[in-house]
Amino acid sequence: MNFRIAADPQPAVDLNLSVDWTELFEYAPGSLVELRAFPGTLDTIAFYDTMTVPPVWLTHDPQPRYPHELRILVRQDDRVCTLNHRLPNPSQDLTAS
């Protein structure tokens, strides 16, 4: 059998084209929102899932929401992700075994 390996394989989905990064950071987890259809109903954004439509999931609402359905009241400004991996101490000699 002869197998060929493509020199430059193309990804099935180009995530950089399909993700609205501005919206993703605008609707960050932890932000307090109000449902526009139900004024006074407050909830917290649990996460933004780029692979679902609608993409915004709330903590106490089993139904995902579109961004236009929500009014952001308190924005979560931490535009970083948490690392659950312990990084090596720079003062340690990593070459010593």
Protein backbone atom coordinates (compact mmCIF):
# COMPACT_ATOMS: atom_id res chain seq x y z
CA MET A 1 0.00 0.00 0.00
CA ASN A 2 1.14 3.48 -0.76
CA PHE A 3 0.07 6.34 1.47
CA ARG A 4 0.46 9.99 0.70
CA ILE A 5 0.69 12.73 3.27
CA ALA A 6 -0.52 16.12 2.14
CA ALA A 7 2.22 18.72 2.16
CA ASP A 8 -0.02 21.44 3.59
CA PRO A 9 -3.24 20.02 5.06
CA GLN A 10 -6.07 22.51 5.48
CA PRO A 11 -8.06 22.52 8.74
CA ALA A 12 -11.70 21.48 8.47
CA VAL A 13 -12.84 24.70 10.19
CA ASP A 14 -11.00 27.99 10.37
CA LEU A 15 -11.84 29.09 13.91
CA ASN A 16 -10.26 32.51 13.43
CA LEU A 17 -12.87 33.40 10.81
CA SER A 18 -15.91 32.04 12.65
CA VAL A 19 -15.28 33.51 16.12
CA ASP A 20 -16.32 37.05 17.00
CA TRP A 21 -13.52 37.71 19.50
CA THR A 22 -14.89 41.13 20.50
CA GLU A 23 -18.27 39.66 21.41
CA LEU A 24 -16.61 36.75 23.20
CA PHE A 25 -14.71 39.12 25.51
CA GLU A 26 -17.69 41.48 25.89
CA TYR A 27 -19.85 38.65 27.25
CA ALA A 28 -17.20 37.28 29.58
CA PRO A 29 -18.04 34.76 32.33
CA GLY A 30 -18.90 36.43 35.61
CA SER A 31 -20.53 39.49 34.02
CA LEU A 32 -23.88 40.49 35.53
CA VAL A 33 -26.65 40.83 32.93
CA GLU A 34 -30.35 41.67 32.77
CA LEU A 35 -32.75 39.93 30.40
CA ARG A 36 -34.17 42.63 28.13
CA ALA A 37 -37.49 40.78 27.74
CA PHE A 38 -37.87 40.59 31.53
CA PRO A 39 -36.61 43.84 33.10
CA GLY A 40 -35.36 43.28 36.63
CA THR A 41 -34.41 39.65 35.97
CA LEU A 42 -30.69 39.43 36.67
CA ASP A 43 -28.28 36.59 36.03
CA THR A 44 -24.56 35.95 35.63
CA ILE A 45 -22.88 34.76 32.46
CA ALA A 46 -21.60 31.22 32.99
CA PHE A 47 -19.75 30.96 29.67
CA TYR A 48 -19.74 31.95 26.02
CA ASP A 49 -19.75 28.92 23.73
CA THR A 50 -18.62 29.75 20.21
CA MET A 51 -19.94 26.43 18.91
CA THR A 52 -23.59 26.90 19.95
CA VAL A 53 -26.30 29.23 18.71
CA PRO A 54 -27.22 31.20 20.77
CA PRO A 55 -23.76 31.39 22.36
CA VAL A 56 -24.32 32.93 25.83
CA TRP A 57 -25.08 30.56 28.71
CA LEU A 58 -26.31 31.97 32.01
CA THR A 59 -25.80 30.54 35.48
CA HIS A 60 -29.50 30.18 36.43
CA ASP A 61 -31.12 29.82 33.00
CA PRO A 62 -31.16 26.47 31.17
CA GLN A 63 -31.76 28.23 27.85
CA PRO A 64 -28.79 29.83 26.06
CA ARG A 65 -29.27 33.45 24.98
CA TYR A 66 -28.31 35.71 22.10
CA PRO A 67 -26.26 38.78 23.05
CA HIS A 68 -29.03 41.15 21.90
CA GLU A 69 -31.34 39.57 24.52
CA LEU A 70 -29.07 40.74 27.34
CA ARG A 71 -28.10 44.07 28.87
CA ILE A 72 -24.71 44.02 30.54
CA LEU A 73 -24.91 45.67 33.96
CA VAL A 74 -21.51 44.81 35.45
CA ARG A 75 -18.78 43.77 33.07
CA GLN A 76 -16.10 41.28 34.04
CA ASP A 77 -12.93 43.03 32.89
CA ASP A 78 -10.47 40.17 33.38
CA ARG A 79 -9.59 39.38 29.78
CA VAL A 80 -7.35 36.50 30.73
CA CYS A 81 -7.73 32.80 31.24
CA THR A 82 -6.68 30.90 34.31
CA LEU A 83 -3.90 28.35 34.12
CA ASN A 84 -4.32 25.17 36.10
CA HIS A 85 -0.75 24.14 35.44
CA ARG A 86 2.07 24.82 37.85
CA LEU A 87 4.91 26.64 36.14
CA PRO A 88 8.50 25.90 37.14
CA ASN A 89 10.22 28.26 39.53
CA PRO A 90 12.72 30.34 37.50
CA SER A 91 15.27 30.03 40.31
CA GLN A 92 15.34 26.23 39.98
CA ASP A 93 18.00 24.61 37.82
CA LEU A 94 15.96 22.76 35.19
CA THR A 95 19.02 21.03 33.72
CA ALA A 96 19.90 19.16 36.93
CA SER A 97 18.50 15.65 37.16
